Amino acid sequence: LGVFKEAANSSLKTKIGGLLLKDSLKRAMKTFDFETFGGSPLLGVNGISIIAHGRSKHAAIKNAIKVCYNIEKDKIIDKFKEQLSDESFRDSENC
């Protein structure tokens, strides 16, 4: 974020551009905010395991629990197992 601010303040033209992009950049940055997302699944374990950021506070933990709930509700683990056991997947050149 500091790099963006420094670049945006380097000239009058970039300051104007930065002001025009400010709201869009704020929305885009929320996509990368670990508090909003909660955590990422740890693959390779037999079950659901979510890794949260070490600085996570209650909002991030709550969202990580929601991720776990949605993985179970949507049967994501079963879908992964099904896809990985599919012969056409194992025989593909991408593996």
N, C-alpha and C. Protein backbone atom coordinates (compact mmCIF):
# COMPACT_ATOMS: atom_id res chain seq x y z
N LEU A 1 0.83 -1.20 0.00
CA LEU A 1 0.00 0.00 0.00
C LEU A 1 0.87 1.25 0.00
N GLY A 2 1.97 1.22 0.73
CA GLY A 2 2.87 2.36 0.77
C GLY A 2 3.46 2.69 -0.58
N VAL A 3 3.73 1.66 -1.37
CA VAL A 3 4.28 1.86 -2.72
C VAL A 3 3.27 2.60 -3.59
N PHE A 4 1.99 2.24 -3.47
CA PHE A 4 0.95 2.91 -4.25
C PHE A 4 0.84 4.38 -3.85
N LYS A 5 0.87 4.64 -2.55
CA LYS A 5 0.76 6.03 -2.07
C LYS A 5 1.94 6.86 -2.56
N GLU A 6 3.13 6.28 -2.49
CA GLU A 6 4.32 7.00 -2.94
C GLU A 6 4.24 7.31 -4.43
N ALA A 7 3.81 6.34 -5.23
CA ALA A 7 3.68 6.55 -6.67
C ALA A 7 2.60 7.58 -6.98
N ALA A 8 1.49 7.52 -6.24
CA ALA A 8 0.38 8.44 -6.50
C ALA A 8 0.74 9.88 -6.14
N ASN A 9 1.68 10.08 -5.24
CA ASN A 9 2.07 11.42 -4.82
C ASN A 9 3.30 11.95 -5.54
N SER A 10 3.75 11.27 -6.58
CA SER A 10 4.99 11.66 -7.24
C SER A 10 4.85 12.86 -8.18
N SER A 11 3.65 13.16 -8.66
CA SER A 11 3.45 14.32 -9.52
C SER A 11 1.99 14.75 -9.44
N LEU A 12 1.70 15.91 -9.99
CA LEU A 12 0.32 16.40 -9.99
C LEU A 12 -0.59 15.46 -10.78
N LYS A 13 -0.08 14.96 -11.91
CA LYS A 13 -0.87 14.05 -12.74
C LYS A 13 -1.21 12.77 -11.98
N THR A 14 -0.23 12.20 -11.28
CA THR A 14 -0.50 10.96 -10.54
C THR A 14 -1.38 11.21 -9.32
N LYS A 15 -1.30 12.41 -8.73
CA LYS A 15 -2.19 12.75 -7.61
C LYS A 15 -3.64 12.79 -8.09
N ILE A 16 -3.87 13.38 -9.24
CA ILE A 16 -5.23 13.44 -9.80
C ILE A 16 -5.71 12.03 -10.13
N GLY A 17 -4.85 11.25 -10.77
CA GLY A 17 -5.20 9.86 -11.08
C GLY A 17 -5.49 9.06 -9.83
N GLY A 18 -4.69 9.26 -8.79
CA GLY A 18 -4.90 8.57 -7.52
C GLY A 18 -6.23 8.92 -6.90
N LEU A 19 -6.60 10.19 -6.97
CA LEU A 19 -7.90 10.61 -6.43
C LEU A 19 -9.05 9.96 -7.20
N LEU A 20 -8.90 9.87 -8.52
CA LEU A 20 -9.95 9.24 -9.33
C LEU A 20 -10.07 7.74 -9.04
N LEU A 21 -8.97 7.11 -8.70
CA LEU A 21 -8.96 5.66 -8.46
C LEU A 21 -9.16 5.27 -6.99
N LYS A 22 -9.18 6.24 -6.10
CA LYS A 22 -9.17 5.96 -4.67
C LYS A 22 -10.25 4.97 -4.23
N ASP A 23 -11.51 5.22 -4.58
CA ASP A 23 -12.60 4.34 -4.15
C ASP A 23 -12.47 2.94 -4.75
N SER A 24 -12.09 2.87 -6.01
CA SER A 24 -11.91 1.56 -6.66
C SER A 24 -10.78 0.78 -6.01
N LEU A 25 -9.70 1.45 -5.68
CA LEU A 25 -8.57 0.78 -5.04
C LEU A 25 -8.93 0.28 -3.65
N LYS A 26 -9.72 1.07 -2.91
CA LYS A 26 -10.16 0.63 -1.58
C LYS A 26 -10.99 -0.65 -1.68
N ARG A 27 -11.89 -0.69 -2.66
CA ARG A 27 -12.71 -1.90 -2.84
C ARG A 27 -11.83 -3.09 -3.23
N ALA A 28 -10.87 -2.85 -4.10
CA ALA A 28 -9.98 -3.93 -4.53
C ALA A 28 -9.12 -4.43 -3.36
N MET A 29 -8.67 -3.55 -2.50
CA MET A 29 -7.83 -3.94 -1.37
C MET A 29 -8.59 -4.82 -0.38
N LYS A 30 -9.91 -4.65 -0.29
CA LYS A 30 -10.71 -5.50 0.61
C LYS A 30 -10.64 -6.96 0.18
N THR A 31 -10.41 -7.19 -1.10
CA THR A 31 -10.27 -8.55 -1.61
C THR A 31 -9.06 -9.25 -0.98
N PHE A 32 -8.03 -8.48 -0.66
CA PHE A 32 -6.80 -9.03 -0.10
C PHE A 32 -6.74 -8.96 1.42
N ASP A 33 -7.77 -8.42 2.06
CA ASP A 33 -7.77 -8.23 3.50
C ASP A 33 -8.05 -9.55 4.22
N PHE A 34 -7.09 -10.02 5.00
CA PHE A 34 -7.26 -11.30 5.68
C PHE A 34 -8.40 -11.26 6.69
N GLU A 35 -8.73 -10.09 7.24
CA GLU A 35 -9.84 -9.99 8.18
C GLU A 35 -11.17 -10.29 7.48
N THR A 36 -11.30 -9.85 6.23
CA THR A 36 -12.53 -10.07 5.47
C THR A 36 -12.65 -11.52 5.04
N PHE A 37 -11.56 -12.10 4.56
CA PHE A 37 -11.62 -13.46 4.02
C PHE A 37 -11.64 -14.51 5.12
N GLY A 38 -10.87 -14.31 6.16
CA GLY A 38 -10.86 -15.25 7.28
C GLY A 38 -9.69 -16.20 7.26
N GLY A 39 -9.51 -16.93 6.20
CA GLY A 39 -8.42 -17.89 6.14
C GLY A 39 -8.46 -18.68 4.85
N SER A 40 -7.46 -19.54 4.71
CA SER A 40 -7.35 -20.37 3.51
C SER A 40 -7.34 -21.84 3.91
N PRO A 41 -7.93 -22.68 3.08
CA PRO A 41 -7.93 -24.11 3.42
C PRO A 41 -6.54 -24.72 3.30
N LEU A 42 -6.23 -25.61 4.22
CA LEU A 42 -5.00 -26.37 4.18
C LEU A 42 -5.32 -27.69 3.51
N LEU A 43 -4.75 -27.90 2.34
CA LEU A 43 -5.03 -29.12 1.59
C LEU A 43 -4.06 -30.23 2.00
N GLY A 44 -4.51 -31.45 1.86
CA GLY A 44 -3.67 -32.60 2.16
C GLY A 44 -3.93 -33.20 3.53
N VAL A 45 -4.88 -32.66 4.25
CA VAL A 45 -5.27 -33.24 5.54
C VAL A 45 -6.61 -33.95 5.36
N ASN A 46 -6.88 -34.89 6.21
CA ASN A 46 -8.12 -35.64 6.11
C ASN A 46 -9.19 -34.92 6.92
N GLY A 47 -9.76 -33.89 6.35
CA GLY A 47 -10.78 -33.09 7.02
C GLY A 47 -10.65 -31.65 6.61
N ILE A 48 -11.30 -30.79 7.37
CA ILE A 48 -11.30 -29.36 7.07
C ILE A 48 -10.34 -28.66 8.02
N SER A 49 -9.39 -27.94 7.46
CA SER A 49 -8.44 -27.19 8.25
C SER A 49 -8.24 -25.84 7.58
N ILE A 50 -8.47 -24.77 8.33
CA ILE A 50 -8.34 -23.42 7.79
C ILE A 50 -7.17 -22.74 8.49
N ILE A 51 -6.30 -22.13 7.72
CA ILE A 51 -5.17 -21.39 8.25
C ILE A 51 -5.55 -19.91 8.25
N ALA A 52 -5.51 -19.30 9.43
CA ALA A 52 -5.81 -17.87 9.56
C ALA A 52 -4.50 -17.12 9.79
N HIS A 53 -4.51 -15.83 9.52
CA HIS A 53 -3.34 -14.99 9.73
C HIS A 53 -3.04 -14.91 11.22
N GLY A 54 -1.78 -14.81 11.58
CA GLY A 54 -1.38 -14.74 12.98
C GLY A 54 -1.90 -13.51 13.71
N ARG A 55 -2.20 -12.45 12.98
CA ARG A 55 -2.73 -11.22 13.59
C ARG A 55 -4.25 -11.18 13.58
N SER A 56 -4.89 -12.29 13.30
CA SER A 56 -6.35 -12.31 13.19
C SER A 56 -7.01 -11.93 14.50
N LYS A 57 -8.03 -11.11 14.38
CA LYS A 57 -8.85 -10.73 15.52
C LYS A 57 -10.19 -11.44 15.37
N HIS A 58 -11.17 -11.06 16.19
CA HIS A 58 -12.44 -11.80 16.21
C HIS A 58 -13.14 -11.84 14.85
N ALA A 59 -13.09 -10.76 14.08
CA ALA A 59 -13.77 -10.75 12.77
C ALA A 59 -13.17 -11.78 11.82
N ALA A 60 -11.85 -11.87 11.81
CA ALA A 60 -11.19 -12.84 10.92
C ALA A 60 -11.47 -14.27 11.37
N ILE A 61 -11.48 -14.52 12.67
CA ILE A 61 -11.77 -15.86 13.18
C ILE A 61 -13.20 -16.24 12.85
N LYS A 62 -14.12 -15.29 13.02
CA LYS A 62 -15.53 -15.53 12.67
C LYS A 62 -15.65 -15.89 11.19
N ASN A 63 -14.95 -15.17 10.34
CA ASN A 63 -15.00 -15.44 8.90
C ASN A 63 -14.32 -16.76 8.55
N ALA A 64 -13.28 -17.13 9.28
CA ALA A 64 -12.63 -18.43 9.06
C ALA A 64 -13.59 -19.57 9.41
N ILE A 65 -14.36 -19.39 10.47
CA ILE A 65 -15.36 -20.39 10.85
C ILE A 65 -16.44 -20.49 9.78
N LYS A 66 -16.81 -19.35 9.20
CA LYS A 66 -17.78 -19.36 8.09
C LYS A 66 -17.23 -20.13 6.90
N VAL A 67 -15.93 -19.97 6.63
CA VAL A 67 -15.30 -20.72 5.53
C VAL A 67 -15.42 -22.21 5.80
N CYS A 68 -15.14 -22.63 7.03
CA CYS A 68 -15.28 -24.06 7.40
C CYS A 68 -16.71 -24.53 7.18
N TYR A 69 -17.65 -23.74 7.65
CA TYR A 69 -19.06 -24.10 7.52
C TYR A 69 -19.42 -24.28 6.04
N ASN A 70 -19.01 -23.33 5.21
CA ASN A 70 -19.35 -23.40 3.78
C ASN A 70 -18.67 -24.58 3.09
N ILE A 71 -17.46 -24.91 3.49
CA ILE A 71 -16.78 -26.07 2.91
C ILE A 71 -17.57 -27.33 3.23
N GLU A 72 -18.03 -27.46 4.47
CA GLU A 72 -18.82 -28.63 4.86
C GLU A 72 -20.19 -28.63 4.17
N LYS A 73 -20.85 -27.48 4.20
CA LYS A 73 -22.20 -27.37 3.62
C LYS A 73 -22.20 -27.70 2.13
N ASP A 74 -21.19 -27.23 1.43
CA ASP A 74 -21.10 -27.43 -0.02
C ASP A 74 -20.38 -28.72 -0.40
N LYS A 75 -19.98 -29.49 0.59
CA LYS A 75 -19.32 -30.79 0.38
C LYS A 75 -18.07 -30.66 -0.51
N ILE A 76 -17.30 -29.62 -0.27
CA ILE A 76 -16.12 -29.33 -1.08
C ILE A 76 -15.09 -30.45 -0.97
N ILE A 77 -14.89 -31.00 0.24
CA ILE A 77 -13.92 -32.09 0.42
C ILE A 77 -14.32 -33.29 -0.43
N ASP A 78 -15.60 -33.65 -0.40
CA ASP A 78 -16.07 -34.78 -1.21
C ASP A 78 -15.87 -34.51 -2.70
N LYS A 79 -16.10 -33.28 -3.12
CA LYS A 79 -15.91 -32.92 -4.53
C LYS A 79 -14.44 -33.01 -4.92
N PHE A 80 -13.54 -32.57 -4.03
CA PHE A 80 -12.11 -32.70 -4.30
C PHE A 80 -11.74 -34.17 -4.45
N LYS A 81 -12.17 -34.99 -3.50
CA LYS A 81 -11.85 -36.42 -3.55
C LYS A 81 -12.37 -37.05 -4.84
N GLU A 82 -13.58 -36.68 -5.23
CA GLU A 82 -14.18 -37.20 -6.46
C GLU A 82 -13.36 -36.81 -7.68
N GLN A 83 -12.97 -35.54 -7.73
CA GLN A 83 -12.18 -35.06 -8.87
C GLN A 83 -10.81 -35.72 -8.91
N LEU A 84 -10.18 -35.86 -7.75
CA LEU A 84 -8.84 -36.44 -7.71
C LEU A 84 -8.83 -37.93 -8.00
N SER A 85 -9.94 -38.60 -7.78
CA SER A 85 -9.99 -40.03 -8.07
C SER A 85 -10.44 -40.31 -9.50
N ASP A 86 -10.84 -39.29 -10.22
CA ASP A 86 -11.30 -39.43 -11.59
C ASP A 86 -10.13 -39.84 -12.49
N GLU A 87 -10.30 -40.93 -13.23
CA GLU A 87 -9.24 -41.45 -14.11
C GLU A 87 -8.77 -40.41 -15.13
N SER A 88 -9.70 -39.66 -15.69
CA SER A 88 -9.31 -38.68 -16.71
C SER A 88 -8.44 -37.59 -16.11
N PHE A 89 -8.65 -37.27 -14.84
CA PHE A 89 -7.83 -36.26 -14.17
C PHE A 89 -6.41 -36.79 -13.95
N ARG A 90 -6.30 -38.02 -13.47
CA ARG A 90 -4.98 -38.58 -13.18
C ARG A 90 -4.18 -38.82 -14.44
N ASP A 91 -4.84 -39.10 -15.55
CA ASP A 91 -4.14 -39.39 -16.80
C ASP A 91 -3.82 -38.14 -17.61
N SER A 92 -4.26 -36.98 -17.15
CA SER A 92 -4.03 -35.76 -17.93
C SER A 92 -2.56 -35.37 -17.88
N GLU A 93 -2.16 -34.58 -18.86
CA GLU A 93 -0.77 -34.13 -18.94
C GLU A 93 -0.46 -33.06 -17.92
N ASN A 94 -1.48 -32.49 -17.26
CA ASN A 94 -1.27 -31.41 -16.30
C ASN A 94 -0.77 -31.90 -14.95
N CYS A 95 -0.74 -33.21 -14.73
CA CYS A 95 -0.32 -33.73 -13.42
C CYS A 95 1.12 -34.14 -13.43
